[in-house]
Amino acid sequence: MFDKMKQLMEAQKKMQEMKRQLENTNFEVASPDGLVKVIMNGAQEVKDIVIQSDLQKTEKTNLERAVKDAYNRAIQRSHELAAQKMKDIAGLNLSGLI
């Protein structure tokens, strides 16, 4: 029983460390047309959004689509990052679940 409690505490410690690593891991993803770049951390917090400076020529719908695409790609990347961290730390393969 003590061994199982110890294993549980170790797993909890590893999960907390993984959470800290994800919060400190930043990445950027651009929309396919390059109009918008989203900078996000592994905890799915948007850190910054950068919009290309010569945007006056671009239609509003294109900008909206670019923001949506960049955000969705950033969320997908954060899922991949979290799954890789889980696999590295806990030896779990959750890629199909996340």
Protein backbone atom coordinates (compact mmCIF):
# COMPACT_ATOMS: atom_id res chain seq x y z
CA MET A 1 0.00 0.00 0.00
CA PHE A 2 2.83 2.41 0.87
CA ASP A 3 4.50 1.71 -2.47
CA LYS A 4 1.33 2.64 -4.36
CA MET A 5 1.01 5.89 -2.40
CA LYS A 6 4.64 6.68 -3.17
CA GLN A 7 4.08 5.98 -6.87
CA LEU A 8 0.99 8.20 -6.85
CA MET A 9 2.91 11.06 -5.21
CA GLU A 10 5.74 10.67 -7.75
CA ALA A 11 3.26 10.73 -10.62
CA GLN A 12 1.64 13.85 -9.20
CA LYS A 13 5.03 15.52 -8.90
CA LYS A 14 5.83 14.62 -12.53
CA MET A 15 2.50 16.04 -13.68
CA GLN A 16 3.13 19.32 -11.86
CA GLU A 17 6.57 19.54 -13.45
CA MET A 18 5.05 18.86 -16.87
CA LYS A 19 2.50 21.64 -16.29
CA ARG A 20 5.30 24.08 -15.44
CA GLN A 21 7.23 23.03 -18.55
CA LEU A 22 4.17 23.52 -20.75
CA GLU A 23 3.53 26.96 -19.28
CA ASN A 24 7.15 27.92 -20.04
CA THR A 25 7.20 26.51 -23.58
CA ASN A 26 6.24 29.09 -26.21
CA PHE A 27 5.72 28.44 -29.90
CA GLU A 28 4.36 30.37 -32.83
CA VAL A 29 2.05 29.33 -35.62
CA ALA A 30 1.23 31.38 -38.71
CA SER A 31 -1.89 31.32 -40.83
CA PRO A 32 -1.41 29.60 -44.20
CA ASP A 33 -1.32 32.96 -45.99
CA GLY A 34 1.14 34.45 -43.50
CA LEU A 35 -1.13 37.35 -42.52
CA VAL A 36 -1.42 36.38 -38.86
CA LYS A 37 0.96 34.79 -36.37
CA VAL A 38 -0.21 33.44 -32.98
CA ILE A 39 2.29 32.97 -30.16
CA MET A 40 1.00 30.54 -27.55
CA ASN A 41 2.39 28.49 -24.70
CA GLY A 42 1.88 24.78 -24.07
CA ALA A 43 -0.91 25.57 -21.60
CA GLN A 44 -2.89 27.07 -24.51
CA GLU A 45 -2.51 30.68 -23.36
CA VAL A 46 -2.23 33.12 -26.24
CA LYS A 47 0.84 35.23 -25.54
CA ASP A 48 0.70 37.45 -28.60
CA ILE A 49 -0.98 37.90 -31.97
CA VAL A 50 0.99 39.55 -34.76
CA ILE A 51 -0.81 40.86 -37.84
CA GLN A 52 1.17 41.68 -40.98
CA SER A 53 1.65 45.46 -41.28
CA ASP A 54 0.44 45.94 -44.87
CA LEU A 55 -3.04 44.76 -43.99
CA GLN A 56 -4.92 47.72 -45.51
CA LYS A 57 -5.06 45.84 -48.80
CA THR A 58 -6.59 42.75 -47.26
CA GLU A 59 -10.31 42.28 -46.92
CA LYS A 60 -11.91 41.86 -43.51
CA THR A 61 -13.03 38.29 -44.26
CA ASN A 62 -9.49 37.28 -45.16
CA LEU A 63 -8.21 38.66 -41.85
CA GLU A 64 -10.92 36.87 -39.88
CA ARG A 65 -10.12 33.60 -41.63
CA ALA A 66 -6.38 34.10 -41.05
CA VAL A 67 -6.87 34.72 -37.30
CA LYS A 68 -9.11 31.66 -36.99
CA ASP A 69 -6.69 29.45 -38.91
CA ALA A 70 -3.65 30.60 -36.94
CA TYR A 71 -5.45 30.14 -33.62
CA ASN A 72 -6.68 26.65 -34.53
CA ARG A 73 -3.20 25.62 -35.66
CA ALA A 74 -1.74 26.93 -32.40
CA ILE A 75 -4.26 24.91 -30.35
CA GLN A 76 -3.40 21.78 -32.36
CA ARG A 77 0.31 22.39 -31.77
CA SER A 78 -0.26 22.77 -28.03
CA HIS A 79 -2.11 19.43 -27.99
CA GLU A 80 0.81 17.78 -29.77
CA LEU A 81 3.25 19.35 -27.35
CA ALA A 82 1.26 18.20 -24.30
CA ALA A 83 0.98 14.66 -25.68
CA GLN A 84 4.74 14.52 -26.28
CA LYS A 85 5.47 15.80 -22.76
CA MET A 86 3.11 13.18 -21.29
CA LYS A 87 4.83 10.47 -23.30
CA ASP A 88 8.29 11.69 -22.24
CA ILE A 89 7.48 12.07 -18.56
CA ALA A 90 4.97 9.34 -17.84
CA GLY A 91 5.65 6.91 -20.64
CA LEU A 92 2.05 7.35 -21.81
CA ASN A 93 0.96 7.59 -25.43
CA LEU A 94 -2.13 9.82 -25.49
CA SER A 95 -1.83 11.14 -29.04
CA GLY A 96 -5.15 9.61 -30.07
CA LEU A 97 -6.96 11.02 -27.04
CA ILE A 98 -5.82 14.63 -27.25
